[in-house]
Amino acid sequence: MALGAKPSDVVGLVVRQGLRLALAGVVLGIVSALALGRVLQSLLYGISAGDPLTFVSVSIIAVVMAWLACYLPARRVTGVDPMISLRSE
């Protein structure tokens, strides 16, 4: 944790940076899936290649998992005293 930073600032910074990457990945994934959808159409059973419910639900799950992957470690690190961490290294 940064010296002098408030725990909420550290958590916000880590989560913001992580979600920015996750959202970029979701956008690129949707664009790629739509572009390759016609190629994969014969392999899909029960849904169309451009099924909006599938795209939305997978995108939401990916963003929630990315948020958890950023938030939980960031929250855990706020309990570490920076001076103790610096002395141990």
Protein backbone atom coordinates (compact mmCIF):
# COMPACT_ATOMS: atom_id res chain seq x y z
CA MET A 1 0.00 0.00 0.00
CA ALA A 2 1.25 3.48 -0.79
CA LEU A 3 2.53 5.60 2.06
CA GLY A 4 -0.06 8.19 3.02
CA ALA A 5 -2.81 6.80 0.83
CA LYS A 6 -6.25 6.16 2.25
CA PRO A 7 -7.42 2.55 1.99
CA SER A 8 -10.44 3.58 -0.08
CA ASP A 9 -8.15 5.37 -2.56
CA VAL A 10 -6.00 2.27 -3.00
CA VAL A 11 -9.00 -0.01 -3.48
CA GLY A 12 -10.58 2.43 -5.93
CA LEU A 13 -7.39 2.73 -7.97
CA VAL A 14 -6.85 -1.02 -8.23
CA VAL A 15 -10.48 -1.76 -9.06
CA ARG A 16 -10.67 1.05 -11.62
CA GLN A 17 -7.55 -0.12 -13.44
CA GLY A 18 -8.66 -3.74 -13.40
CA LEU A 19 -12.17 -2.99 -14.63
CA ARG A 20 -10.83 -0.81 -17.41
CA LEU A 21 -8.87 -3.79 -18.73
CA ALA A 22 -11.81 -6.14 -18.21
CA LEU A 23 -14.21 -3.88 -20.09
CA ALA A 24 -11.75 -3.54 -22.96
CA GLY A 25 -11.52 -7.32 -23.08
CA VAL A 26 -15.30 -7.71 -23.06
CA VAL A 27 -15.68 -5.22 -25.93
CA LEU A 28 -12.97 -6.94 -27.97
CA GLY A 29 -14.51 -10.32 -27.19
CA ILE A 30 -17.98 -9.26 -28.31
CA VAL A 31 -16.63 -7.76 -31.53
CA SER A 32 -14.61 -10.92 -32.21
CA ALA A 33 -17.54 -13.19 -31.42
CA LEU A 34 -19.85 -11.27 -33.71
CA ALA A 35 -17.26 -11.37 -36.50
CA LEU A 36 -16.64 -15.11 -36.12
CA GLY A 37 -20.26 -15.97 -35.44
CA ARG A 38 -21.02 -16.96 -39.00
CA VAL A 39 -18.10 -19.37 -39.06
CA LEU A 40 -19.23 -21.03 -35.83
CA GLN A 41 -22.94 -21.07 -36.71
CA SER A 42 -22.87 -24.76 -37.65
CA LEU A 43 -21.38 -25.70 -34.26
CA LEU A 44 -24.00 -23.91 -32.14
CA TYR A 45 -27.07 -25.79 -30.99
CA GLY A 46 -30.16 -24.02 -29.68
CA ILE A 47 -28.90 -20.44 -29.97
CA SER A 48 -28.03 -18.12 -32.81
CA ALA A 49 -24.54 -16.79 -33.39
CA GLY A 50 -25.65 -13.30 -32.35
CA ASP A 51 -27.85 -14.18 -29.37
CA PRO A 52 -28.01 -10.98 -27.29
CA LEU A 53 -28.95 -12.78 -24.06
CA THR A 54 -25.82 -14.91 -24.28
CA PHE A 55 -23.58 -11.93 -25.01
CA VAL A 56 -25.03 -9.86 -22.17
CA SER A 57 -24.97 -12.65 -19.59
CA VAL A 58 -21.41 -13.72 -20.41
CA SER A 59 -20.27 -10.09 -20.37
CA ILE A 60 -21.87 -9.46 -16.99
CA ILE A 61 -20.32 -12.62 -15.53
CA ALA A 62 -16.89 -11.64 -16.88
CA VAL A 63 -17.10 -8.11 -15.45
CA VAL A 64 -18.30 -9.36 -12.04
CA MET A 65 -15.48 -11.92 -11.89
CA ALA A 66 -12.96 -9.24 -12.87
CA TRP A 67 -14.34 -6.93 -10.17
CA LEU A 68 -13.99 -9.68 -7.57
CA ALA A 69 -10.48 -10.50 -8.79
CA CYS A 70 -9.51 -6.84 -8.30
CA TYR A 71 -11.51 -5.96 -5.21
CA LEU A 72 -10.65 -8.87 -2.91
CA PRO A 73 -6.84 -8.54 -3.10
CA ALA A 74 -7.05 -4.74 -2.96
CA ARG A 75 -9.24 -4.92 0.12
CA ARG A 76 -6.86 -7.39 1.72
CA VAL A 77 -3.82 -5.22 1.13
CA THR A 78 -5.43 -2.26 2.91
CA GLY A 79 -4.90 -4.10 6.19
CA VAL A 80 -1.12 -4.16 5.73
CA ASP A 81 0.88 -1.46 7.49
CA PRO A 82 3.25 0.04 4.89
CA MET A 83 6.07 0.61 7.37
CA ILE A 84 6.02 -3.01 8.55
CA SER A 85 6.03 -4.18 4.94
CA LEU A 86 9.00 -1.93 4.08
CA ARG A 87 10.99 -3.07 7.12
CA SER A 88 10.55 -6.73 6.25
CA GLU A 89 12.13 -6.32 2.81
